[in-house]
Each structure stands twice: as structure tokens, then as C-alpha cells.
Amino acid sequence: MASSLSYDLDNMFAINFHEKPADRITKTMATRKGICEDYAVLFTEICTKAGLKVFKVEGFTKQNGFTDYIPHAWCVARIDNGWYVFDPTGDRGMFTTRNS
């Protein structure tokens, strides 16, 4: 995903909360562009097809002690006996990772 998709800067504030995940995936794959919600939905689909337990998380990032006011989406997946946090958007290298 990180090397195949580009972040859609033109639509970063244009989230359609009523868009079905399948439609979001189809649009993202057709345009090869997406925002955090698109990356998270696509990552969730890939993990599900691989047989992993996965959840999309929506919230706000925290960087350098500051909680941002712009919403973000990321994922948590169960691998072996542990839960791991994945940020498919940030993992492209565009954003810094969230700090606790």
C-alpha cells in the first residue's frame, strides 16, 4: 500500500462518513489515492482476508504532547497472541507516528 497509493491532499477534509467500505476500496484502488480513512479501510480488508482479527480505529493523533484537532484513522490487528497498532497512512512516511 505504501508504495502503490498516494495521499489525496485535495480531498483530505472531504470524508463521506456514509460511504460503504467496499465503495471506498473500489474508489481508492481506481484512483490510487486516498486519505487516512481509505488507507485504514483497505488495510482492514487485507488483514481480514489474511485471517487476522482487525479493527479500524478513529480518533485524534498525539504528537509532541499535543493532541491534534484533525481526526485520523488507523488500525489494530491481532497477530499471534498480541495486538499491534498500524497506521497505514503514517507508515507511508508522510506523518510521524503517534506518541503515548
PDB file of N, CA and C in Angstrom:
ATOM      1  N   MET A   1       0.812  -1.190   0.000  1.00  0.00           N
ATOM      2  CA  MET A   1       0.000   0.000   0.000  1.00  0.00           C
ATOM      3  C   MET A   1       0.859   1.259   0.000  1.00  0.00           C
ATOM      4  N   ALA A   2       1.917   1.246   0.808  1.00  0.00           N
ATOM      5  CA  ALA A   2       2.736   2.444   0.951  1.00  0.00           C
ATOM      6  C   ALA A   2       3.352   2.877  -0.366  1.00  0.00           C
ATOM      7  N   SER A   3       3.712   1.937  -1.218  1.00  0.00           N
ATOM      8  CA  SER A   3       4.343   2.314  -2.477  1.00  0.00           C
ATOM      9  C   SER A   3       3.358   2.391  -3.637  1.00  0.00           C
ATOM     10  N   SER A   4       2.127   1.951  -3.438  1.00  0.00           N
ATOM     11  CA  SER A   4       1.164   1.913  -4.537  1.00  0.00           C
ATOM     12  C   SER A   4       0.123   3.023  -4.487  1.00  0.00           C
ATOM     13  N   LEU A   5      -0.025   3.667  -3.340  1.00  0.00           N
ATOM     14  CA  LEU A   5      -1.048   4.706  -3.182  1.00  0.00           C
ATOM     15  C   LEU A   5      -0.403   6.039  -2.847  1.00  0.00           C
ATOM     16  N   SER A   6      -1.087   7.102  -3.213  1.00  0.00           N
ATOM     17  CA  SER A   6      -0.660   8.453  -2.862  1.00  0.00           C
ATOM     18  C   SER A   6      -1.701   9.072  -1.944  1.00  0.00           C
ATOM     19  N   TYR A   7      -1.254   9.946  -1.064  1.00  0.00           N
ATOM     20  CA  TYR A   7      -2.198  10.631  -0.190  1.00  0.00           C
ATOM     21  C   TYR A   7      -2.956  11.665  -1.005  1.00  0.00           C
ATOM     22  N   ASP A   8      -4.274  11.691  -0.846  1.00  0.00           N
ATOM     23  CA  ASP A   8      -5.148  12.574  -1.621  1.00  0.00           C
ATOM     24  C   ASP A   8      -5.313  13.917  -0.913  1.00  0.00           C
ATOM     25  N   LEU A   9      -4.330  14.778  -1.089  1.00  0.00           N
ATOM     26  CA  LEU A   9      -4.345  16.087  -0.430  1.00  0.00           C
ATOM     27  C   LEU A   9      -5.558  16.923  -0.815  1.00  0.00           C
ATOM     28  N   ASP A  10      -6.030  16.780  -2.047  1.00  0.00           N
ATOM     29  CA  ASP A  10      -7.179  17.572  -2.497  1.00  0.00           C
ATOM     30  C   ASP A  10      -8.457  17.227  -1.742  1.00  0.00           C
ATOM     31  N   ASN A  11      -8.538  16.017  -1.206  1.00  0.00           N
ATOM     32  CA  ASN A  11      -9.767  15.579  -0.534  1.00  0.00           C
ATOM     33  C   ASN A  11      -9.550  15.211   0.935  1.00  0.00           C
ATOM     34  N   MET A  12      -8.485  15.715   1.540  1.00  0.00           N
ATOM     35  CA  MET A  12      -8.171  15.302   2.902  1.00  0.00           C
ATOM     36  C   MET A  12      -9.223  15.724   3.927  1.00  0.00           C
ATOM     37  N   PHE A  13     -10.037  16.711   3.617  1.00  0.00           N
ATOM     38  CA  PHE A  13     -11.091  17.133   4.542  1.00  0.00           C
ATOM     39  C   PHE A  13     -12.478  16.770   4.027  1.00  0.00           C
ATOM     40  N   ALA A  14     -12.538  15.958   2.983  1.00  0.00           N
ATOM     41  CA  ALA A  14     -13.817  15.616   2.354  1.00  0.00           C
ATOM     42  C   ALA A  14     -14.218  14.183   2.672  1.00  0.00           C
ATOM     43  N   ILE A  15     -14.347  13.851   3.941  1.00  0.00           N
ATOM     44  CA  ILE A  15     -14.723  12.489   4.326  1.00  0.00           C
ATOM     45  C   ILE A  15     -16.224  12.317   4.179  1.00  0.00           C
ATOM     46  N   ASN A  16     -16.610  11.251   3.504  1.00  0.00           N
ATOM     47  CA  ASN A  16     -18.015  10.862   3.405  1.00  0.00           C
ATOM     48  C   ASN A  16     -18.225   9.739   4.422  1.00  0.00           C
ATOM     49  N   PHE A  17     -18.796  10.067   5.565  1.00  0.00           N
ATOM     50  CA  PHE A  17     -18.955   9.092   6.643  1.00  0.00           C
ATOM     51  C   PHE A  17     -19.989   8.017   6.313  1.00  0.00           C
ATOM     52  N   HIS A  18     -20.761   8.236   5.258  1.00  0.00           N
ATOM     53  CA  HIS A  18     -21.801   7.276   4.874  1.00  0.00           C
ATOM     54  C   HIS A  18     -21.358   6.356   3.740  1.00  0.00           C
ATOM     55  N   GLU A  19     -20.162   6.558   3.240  1.00  0.00           N
ATOM     56  CA  GLU A  19     -19.647   5.729   2.143  1.00  0.00           C
ATOM     57  C   GLU A  19     -19.371   4.307   2.646  1.00  0.00           C
ATOM     58  N   LYS A  20     -19.832   3.329   1.916  1.00  0.00           N
ATOM     59  CA  LYS A  20     -19.620   1.932   2.286  1.00  0.00           C
ATOM     60  C   LYS A  20     -18.149   1.571   2.094  1.00  0.00           C
ATOM     61  N   PRO A  21     -17.621   0.705   2.977  1.00  0.00           N
ATOM     62  CA  PRO A  21     -16.213   0.305   2.847  1.00  0.00           C
ATOM     63  C   PRO A  21     -15.866  -0.259   1.468  1.00  0.00           C
ATOM     64  N   ALA A  22     -16.745  -1.063   0.886  1.00  0.00           N
ATOM     65  CA  ALA A  22     -16.461  -1.640  -0.436  1.00  0.00           C
ATOM     66  C   ALA A  22     -16.336  -0.543  -1.494  1.00  0.00           C
ATOM     67  N   ASP A  23     -17.183   0.481  -1.410  1.00  0.00           N
ATOM     68  CA  ASP A  23     -17.111   1.596  -2.362  1.00  0.00           C
ATOM     69  C   ASP A  23     -15.840   2.404  -2.146  1.00  0.00           C
ATOM     70  N   ARG A  24     -15.461   2.565  -0.899  1.00  0.00           N
ATOM     71  CA  ARG A  24     -14.228   3.304  -0.566  1.00  0.00           C
ATOM     72  C   ARG A  24     -13.008   2.579  -1.126  1.00  0.00           C
ATOM     73  N   ILE A  25     -12.983   1.248  -0.985  1.00  0.00           N
ATOM     74  CA  ILE A  25     -11.874   0.455  -1.508  1.00  0.00           C
ATOM     75  C   ILE A  25     -11.820   0.537  -3.022  1.00  0.00           C
ATOM     76  N   THR A  26     -12.967   0.404  -3.679  1.00  0.00           N
ATOM     77  CA  THR A  26     -13.028   0.477  -5.145  1.00  0.00           C
ATOM     78  C   THR A  26     -12.508   1.825  -5.636  1.00  0.00           C
ATOM     79  N   LYS A  27     -12.953   2.902  -4.997  1.00  0.00           N
ATOM     80  CA  LYS A  27     -12.516   4.253  -5.400  1.00  0.00           C
ATOM     81  C   LYS A  27     -11.014   4.422  -5.180  1.00  0.00           C
ATOM     82  N   THR A  28     -10.536   3.972  -4.027  1.00  0.00           N
ATOM     83  CA  THR A  28      -9.111   4.116  -3.707  1.00  0.00           C
ATOM     84  C   THR A  28      -8.243   3.350  -4.691  1.00  0.00           C
ATOM     85  N   MET A  29      -8.636   2.139  -5.022  1.00  0.00           N
ATOM     86  CA  MET A  29      -7.848   1.335  -5.957  1.00  0.00           C
ATOM     87  C   MET A  29      -7.906   1.905  -7.373  1.00  0.00           C
ATOM     88  N   ALA A  30      -9.047   2.468  -7.756  1.00  0.00           N
ATOM     89  CA  ALA A  30      -9.183   3.038  -9.106  1.00  0.00           C
ATOM     90  C   ALA A  30      -8.363   4.312  -9.269  1.00  0.00           C
ATOM     91  N   THR A  31      -8.337   5.147  -8.229  1.00  0.00           N
ATOM     92  CA  THR A  31      -7.627   6.429  -8.329  1.00  0.00           C
ATOM     93  C   THR A  31      -6.189   6.342  -7.834  1.00  0.00           C
ATOM     94  N   ARG A  32      -5.881   5.265  -7.088  1.00  0.00           N
ATOM     95  CA  ARG A  32      -4.566   5.085  -6.470  1.00  0.00           C
ATOM     96  C   ARG A  32      -4.247   6.218  -5.493  1.00  0.00           C
ATOM     97  N   LYS A  33      -5.328   6.831  -4.948  1.00  0.00           N
ATOM     98  CA  LYS A  33      -5.179   7.912  -3.980  1.00  0.00           C
ATOM     99  C   LYS A  33      -6.189   7.694  -2.859  1.00  0.00           C
ATOM    100  N   GLY A  34      -5.845   8.185  -1.669  1.00  0.00           N
ATOM    101  CA  GLY A  34      -6.786   8.088  -0.575  1.00  0.00           C
ATOM    102  C   GLY A  34      -6.354   8.911   0.618  1.00  0.00           C
ATOM    103  N   ILE A  35      -7.267   9.017   1.577  1.00  0.00           N
ATOM    104  CA  ILE A  35      -6.984   9.693   2.833  1.00  0.00           C
ATOM    105  C   ILE A  35      -6.889   8.625   3.920  1.00  0.00           C
ATOM    106  N   CYS A  36      -6.657   9.014   5.139  1.00  0.00           N
ATOM    107  CA  CYS A  36      -6.429   8.047   6.213  1.00  0.00           C
ATOM    108  C   CYS A  36      -7.551   7.019   6.322  1.00  0.00           C
ATOM    109  N   GLU A  37      -8.776   7.439   6.176  1.00  0.00           N
ATOM    110  CA  GLU A  37      -9.916   6.518   6.248  1.00  0.00           C
ATOM    111  C   GLU A  37      -9.808   5.453   5.161  1.00  0.00           C
ATOM    112  N   ASP A  38      -9.403   5.854   3.962  1.00  0.00           N
ATOM    113  CA  ASP A  38      -9.249   4.913   2.854  1.00  0.00           C
ATOM    114  C   ASP A  38      -8.134   3.910   3.130  1.00  0.00           C
ATOM    115  N   TYR A  39      -7.007   4.397   3.616  1.00  0.00           N
ATOM    116  CA  TYR A  39      -5.884   3.519   3.943  1.00  0.00           C
ATOM    117  C   TYR A  39      -6.305   2.513   5.021  1.00  0.00           C
ATOM    118  N   ALA A  40      -7.002   2.991   6.043  1.00  0.00           N
ATOM    119  CA  ALA A  40      -7.409   2.122   7.146  1.00  0.00           C
ATOM    120  C   ALA A  40      -8.422   1.076   6.691  1.00  0.00           C
ATOM    121  N   VAL A  41      -9.368   1.464   5.863  1.00  0.00           N
ATOM    122  CA  VAL A  41     -10.368   0.512   5.355  1.00  0.00           C
ATOM    123  C   VAL A  41      -9.693  -0.540   4.474  1.00  0.00           C
ATOM    124  N   LEU A  42      -8.787  -0.131   3.629  1.00  0.00           N
ATOM    125  CA  LEU A  42      -8.083  -1.073   2.754  1.00  0.00           C
ATOM    126  C   LEU A  42      -7.204  -2.024   3.578  1.00  0.00           C
ATOM    127  N   PHE A  43      -6.489  -1.494   4.563  1.00  0.00           N
ATOM    128  CA  PHE A  43      -5.658  -2.326   5.431  1.00  0.00           C
ATOM    129  C   PHE A  43      -6.524  -3.342   6.182  1.00  0.00           C
ATOM    130  N   THR A  44      -7.677  -2.895   6.664  1.00  0.00           N
ATOM    131  CA  THR A  44      -8.598  -3.781   7.372  1.00  0.00           C
ATOM    132  C   THR A  44      -9.060  -4.920   6.467  1.00  0.00           C
ATOM    133  N   GLU A  45      -9.365  -4.609   5.239  1.00  0.00           N
ATOM    134  CA  GLU A  45      -9.807  -5.632   4.282  1.00  0.00           C
ATOM    135  C   GLU A  45      -8.696  -6.648   4.007  1.00  0.00           C
ATOM    136  N   ILE A  46      -7.486  -6.167   3.820  1.00  0.00           N
ATOM    137  CA  ILE A  46      -6.351  -7.066   3.567  1.00  0.00           C
ATOM    138  C   ILE A  46      -6.133  -7.996   4.763  1.00  0.00           C
ATOM    139  N   CYS A  47      -6.148  -7.437   5.968  1.00  0.00           N
ATOM    140  CA  CYS A  47      -5.959  -8.253   7.175  1.00  0.00           C
ATOM    141  C   CYS A  47      -7.077  -9.274   7.333  1.00  0.00           C
ATOM    142  N   THR A  48      -8.308  -8.869   7.085  1.00  0.00           N
ATOM    143  CA  THR A  48      -9.452  -9.772   7.202  1.00  0.00           C
ATOM    144  C   THR A  48      -9.302 -10.938   6.235  1.00  0.00           C
ATOM    145  N   LYS A  49      -8.925 -10.641   4.998  1.00  0.00           N
ATOM    146  CA  LYS A  49      -8.740 -11.700   4.004  1.00  0.00           C
ATOM    147  C   LYS A  49      -7.580 -12.628   4.366  1.00  0.00           C
ATOM    148  N   ALA A  50      -6.620 -12.105   5.144  1.00  0.00           N
ATOM    149  CA  ALA A  50      -5.495 -12.921   5.593  1.00  0.00           C
ATOM    150  C   ALA A  50      -5.837 -13.709   6.859  1.00  0.00           C
ATOM    151  N   GLY A  51      -7.052 -13.534   7.354  1.00  0.00           N
ATOM    152  CA  GLY A  51      -7.496 -14.282   8.524  1.00  0.00           C
ATOM    153  C   GLY A  51      -7.131 -13.655   9.850  1.00  0.00           C
ATOM    154  N   LEU A  52      -6.761 -12.386   9.848  1.00  0.00           N
ATOM    155  CA  LEU A  52      -6.393 -11.699  11.087  1.00  0.00           C
ATOM    156  C   LEU A  52      -7.591 -10.967  11.667  1.00  0.00           C
ATOM    157  N   LYS A  53      -7.649 -10.880  12.966  1.00  0.00           N
ATOM    158  CA  LYS A  53      -8.640 -10.068  13.653  1.00  0.00           C
ATOM    159  C   LYS A  53      -8.137  -8.637  13.595  1.00  0.00           C
ATOM    160  N   VAL A  54      -8.963  -7.723  13.101  1.00  0.00           N
ATOM    161  CA  VAL A  54      -8.512  -6.347  12.886  1.00  0.00           C
ATOM    162  C   VAL A  54      -9.667  -5.384  13.124  1.00  0.00           C
ATOM    163  N   PHE A  55      -9.337  -4.212  13.615  1.00  0.00           N
ATOM    164  CA  PHE A  55     -10.319  -3.157  13.820  1.00  0.00           C
ATOM    165  C   PHE A  55      -9.769  -1.846  13.282  1.00  0.00           C
ATOM    166  N   LYS A  56     -10.643  -1.069  12.690  1.00  0.00           N
ATOM    167  CA  LYS A  56     -10.302   0.295  12.282  1.00  0.00           C
ATOM    168  C   LYS A  56     -10.608   1.193  13.473  1.00  0.00           C
ATOM    169  N   VAL A  57      -9.679   2.086  13.797  1.00  0.00           N
ATOM    170  CA  VAL A  57      -9.831   2.992  14.926  1.00  0.00           C
ATOM    171  C   VAL A  57      -9.895   4.414  14.385  1.00  0.00           C
ATOM    172  N   GLU A  58     -10.805   5.185  14.921  1.00  0.00           N
ATOM    173  CA  GLU A  58     -10.911   6.597  14.537  1.00  0.00           C
ATOM    174  C   GLU A  58     -10.717   7.452  15.776  1.00  0.00           C
ATOM    175  N   GLY A  59      -9.953   8.496  15.633  1.00  0.00           N
ATOM    176  CA  GLY A  59      -9.696   9.370  16.771  1.00  0.00           C
ATOM    177  C   GLY A  59      -8.801  10.517  16.370  1.00  0.00           C
ATOM    178  N   PHE A  60      -7.951  10.928  17.288  1.00  0.00           N
ATOM    179  CA  PHE A  60      -7.057  12.052  17.060  1.00  0.00           C
ATOM    180  C   PHE A  60      -5.632  11.626  17.380  1.00  0.00           C
ATOM    181  N   THR A  61      -4.685  12.148  16.651  1.00  0.00           N
ATOM    182  CA  THR A  61      -3.288  11.821  16.899  1.00  0.00           C
ATOM    183  C   THR A  61      -2.728  12.713  18.008  1.00  0.00           C
ATOM    184  N   LYS A  62      -1.679  12.221  18.617  1.00  0.00           N
ATOM    185  CA  LYS A  62      -0.970  12.989  19.634  1.00  0.00           C
ATOM    186  C   LYS A  62       0.491  13.001  19.243  1.00  0.00           C
ATOM    187  N   GLN A  63       1.011  14.189  19.029  1.00  0.00           N
ATOM    188  CA  GLN A  63       2.403  14.343  18.617  1.00  0.00           C
ATOM    189  C   GLN A  63       3.047  15.424  19.462  1.00  0.00           C
ATOM    190  N   ASN A  64       4.219  15.101  20.001  1.00  0.00           N
ATOM    191  CA  ASN A  64       4.963  16.056  20.828  1.00  0.00           C
ATOM    192  C   ASN A  64       4.114  16.595  21.975  1.00  0.00           C
ATOM    193  N   GLY A  65       3.270  15.727  22.567  1.00  0.00           N
ATOM    194  CA  GLY A  65       2.451  16.118  23.699  1.00  0.00           C
ATOM    195  C   GLY A  65       1.191  16.888  23.342  1.00  0.00           C
ATOM    196  N   PHE A  66       0.931  17.113  22.076  1.00  0.00           N
ATOM    197  CA  PHE A  66      -0.230  17.877  21.636  1.00  0.00           C
ATOM    198  C   PHE A  66      -1.215  16.964  20.910  1.00  0.00           C
ATOM    199  N   THR A  67      -2.463  16.959  21.350  1.00  0.00           N
ATOM    200  CA  THR A  67      -3.499  16.195  20.662  1.00  0.00           C
ATOM    201  C   THR A  67      -4.041  17.053  19.532  1.00  0.00           C
ATOM    202  N   ASP A  68      -3.927  16.540  18.318  1.00  0.00           N
ATOM    203  CA  ASP A  68      -4.352  17.281  17.138  1.00  0.00           C
ATOM    204  C   ASP A  68      -5.872  17.416  17.109  1.00  0.00           C
ATOM    205  N   TYR A  69      -6.384  18.399  16.420  1.00  0.00           N
ATOM    206  CA  TYR A  69      -7.823  18.621  16.299  1.00  0.00           C
ATOM    207  C   TYR A  69      -8.385  18.026  15.006  1.00  0.00           C
ATOM    208  N   ILE A  70      -7.523  17.517  14.139  1.00  0.00           N
ATOM    209  CA  ILE A  70      -7.967  16.903  12.883  1.00  0.00           C
ATOM    210  C   ILE A  70      -8.103  15.401  13.111  1.00  0.00           C
ATOM    211  N   PRO A  71      -9.269  14.815  12.796  1.00  0.00           N
ATOM    212  CA  PRO A  71      -9.435  13.372  13.023  1.00  0.00           C
ATOM    213  C   PRO A  71      -8.510  12.531  12.149  1.00  0.00           C
ATOM    214  N   HIS A  72      -8.264  11.317  12.611  1.00  0.00           N
ATOM    215  CA  HIS A  72      -7.386  10.395  11.903  1.00  0.00           C
ATOM    216  C   HIS A  72      -7.930   8.984  12.073  1.00  0.00           C
ATOM    217  N   ALA A  73      -7.580   8.088  11.166  1.00  0.00           N
ATOM    218  CA  ALA A  73      -7.977   6.682  11.259  1.00  0.00           C
ATOM    219  C   ALA A  73      -6.743   5.810  11.140  1.00  0.00           C
ATOM    220  N   TRP A  74      -6.688   4.751  11.954  1.00  0.00           N
ATOM    221  CA  TRP A  74      -5.600   3.787  11.933  1.00  0.00           C
ATOM    222  C   TRP A  74      -6.186   2.435  12.294  1.00  0.00           C
ATOM    223  N   CYS A  75      -5.378   1.431  12.490  1.00  0.00           N
ATOM    224  CA  CYS A  75      -5.884   0.074  12.725  1.00  0.00           C
ATOM    225  C   CYS A  75      -5.146  -0.607  13.880  1.00  0.00           C
ATOM    226  N   VAL A  76      -5.817  -1.589  14.472  1.00  0.00           N
ATOM    227  CA  VAL A  76      -5.175  -2.512  15.398  1.00  0.00           C
ATOM    228  C   VAL A  76      -5.472  -3.918  14.892  1.00  0.00           C
ATOM    229  N   ALA A  77      -4.469  -4.771  14.935  1.00  0.00           N
ATOM    230  CA  ALA A  77      -4.632  -6.144  14.445  1.00  0.00           C
ATOM    231  C   ALA A  77      -4.015  -7.110  15.442  1.00  0.00           C
ATOM    232  N   ARG A  78      -4.663  -8.258  15.570  1.00  0.00           N
ATOM    233  CA  ARG A  78      -4.152  -9.311  16.457  1.00  0.00           C
ATOM    234  C   ARG A  78      -3.277 -10.252  15.651  1.00  0.00           C
ATOM    235  N   ILE A  79      -2.010 -10.355  16.053  1.00  0.00           N
ATOM    236  CA  ILE A  79      -1.064 -11.258  15.405  1.00  0.00           C
ATOM    237  C   ILE A  79      -0.495 -12.151  16.500  1.00  0.00           C
ATOM    238  N   ASP A  80      -0.598 -13.446  16.284  1.00  0.00           N
ATOM    239  CA  ASP A  80      -0.240 -14.422  17.313  1.00  0.00           C
ATOM    240  C   ASP A  80      -1.067 -14.109  18.563  1.00  0.00           C
ATOM    241  N   ASN A  81      -0.430 -13.781  19.658  1.00  0.00           N
ATOM    242  CA  ASN A  81      -1.168 -13.508  20.895  1.00  0.00           C
ATOM    243  C   ASN A  81      -1.147 -12.046  21.302  1.00  0.00           C
ATOM    244  N   GLY A  82      -0.778 -11.164  20.384  1.00  0.00           N
ATOM    245  CA  GLY A  82      -0.686  -9.760  20.742  1.00  0.00           C
ATOM    246  C   GLY A  82      -1.442  -8.855  19.786  1.00  0.00           C
ATOM    247  N   TRP A  83      -1.807  -7.696  20.300  1.00  0.00           N
ATOM    248  CA  TRP A  83      -2.447  -6.668  19.481  1.00  0.00           C
ATOM    249  C   TRP A  83      -1.394  -5.635  19.093  1.00  0.00           C
ATOM    250  N   TYR A  84      -1.409  -5.239  17.831  1.00  0.00           N
ATOM    251  CA  TYR A  84      -0.424  -4.292  17.309  1.00  0.00           C
ATOM    252  C   TYR A  84      -1.142  -3.134  16.628  1.00  0.00           C
ATOM    253  N   VAL A  85      -0.579  -1.954  16.801  1.00  0.00           N
ATOM    254  CA  VAL A  85      -1.128  -0.750  16.180  1.00  0.00           C
ATOM    255  C   VAL A  85      -0.452  -0.539  14.838  1.00  0.00           C
ATOM    256  N   PHE A  86      -1.256  -0.284  13.813  1.00  0.00           N
ATOM    257  CA  PHE A  86      -0.749   0.000  12.475  1.00  0.00           C
ATOM    258  C   PHE A  86      -1.368   1.304  11.996  1.00  0.00           C
ATOM    259  N   ASP A  87      -0.552   2.153  11.454  1.00  0.00           N
ATOM    260  CA  ASP A  87      -1.057   3.379  10.836  1.00  0.00           C
ATOM    261  C   ASP A  87      -0.706   3.311   9.360  1.00  0.00           C
ATOM    262  N   PRO A  88      -1.597   2.750   8.548  1.00  0.00           N
ATOM    263  CA  PRO A  88      -1.279   2.597   7.124  1.00  0.00           C
ATOM    264  C   PRO A  88      -0.969   3.920   6.431  1.00  0.00           C
ATOM    265  N   THR A  89      -1.566   5.010   6.899  1.00  0.00           N
ATOM    266  CA  THR A  89      -1.275   6.315   6.295  1.00  0.00           C
ATOM    267  C   THR A  89       0.099   6.786   6.738  1.00  0.00           C
ATOM    268  N   GLY A  90       0.349   6.772   8.023  1.00  0.00           N
ATOM    269  CA  GLY A  90       1.630   7.233   8.561  1.00  0.00           C
ATOM    270  C   GLY A  90       2.779   6.341   8.154  1.00  0.00           C
ATOM    271  N   ASP A  91       2.489   5.073   7.930  1.00  0.00           N
ATOM    272  CA  ASP A  91       3.547   4.148   7.532  1.00  0.00           C
ATOM    273  C   ASP A  91       4.077   4.442   6.131  1.00  0.00           C
ATOM    274  N   ARG A  92       3.389   5.297   5.390  1.00  0.00           N
ATOM    275  CA  ARG A  92       3.904   5.709   4.085  1.00  0.00           C
ATOM    276  C   ARG A  92       5.052   6.694   4.249  1.00  0.00           C
ATOM    277  N   GLY A  93       5.240   7.202   5.462  1.00  0.00           N
ATOM    278  CA  GLY A  93       6.322   8.154   5.702  1.00  0.00           C
ATOM    279  C   GLY A  93       5.871   9.588   5.643  1.00  0.00           C
ATOM    280  N   MET A  94       4.578   9.831   5.459  1.00  0.00           N
ATOM    281  CA  MET A  94       4.084  11.197   5.344  1.00  0.00           C
ATOM    282  C   MET A  94       3.868  11.836   6.710  1.00  0.00           C
ATOM    283  N   PHE A  95       3.477  11.061   7.698  1.00  0.00           N
ATOM    284  CA  PHE A  95       3.188  11.588   9.010  1.00  0.00           C
ATOM    285  C   PHE A  95       4.101  10.927  10.032  1.00  0.00           C
ATOM    286  N   THR A  96       4.305  11.603  11.143  1.00  0.00           N
ATOM    287  CA  THR A  96       5.081  10.981  12.213  1.00  0.00           C
ATOM    288  C   THR A  96       4.175  10.051  13.004  1.00  0.00           C
ATOM    289  N   THR A  97       4.767   9.134  13.722  1.00  0.00           N
ATOM    290  CA  THR A  97       3.997   8.164  14.500  1.00  0.00           C
ATOM    291  C   THR A  97       3.459   8.836  15.761  1.00  0.00           C
ATOM    292  N   ARG A  98       2.340   8.342  16.213  1.00  0.00           N
ATOM    293  CA  ARG A  98       1.748   8.864  17.443  1.00  0.00           C
ATOM    294  C   ARG A  98       2.596   8.447  18.636  1.00  0.00           C
ATOM    295  N   ASN A  99       2.738   9.353  19.600  1.00  0.00           N
ATOM    296  CA  ASN A  99       3.399   9.032  20.855  1.00  0.00           C
ATOM    297  C   ASN A  99       2.334   8.888  21.926  1.00  0.00           C
ATOM    298  N   SER A 100       2.574   8.037  22.915  1.00  0.00           N
ATOM    299  CA  SER A 100       1.609   7.854  24.007  1.00  0.00           C
ATOM    300  C   SER A 100       1.563   9.086  24.872  1.00  0.00           C
TER     301      SER A 100
END
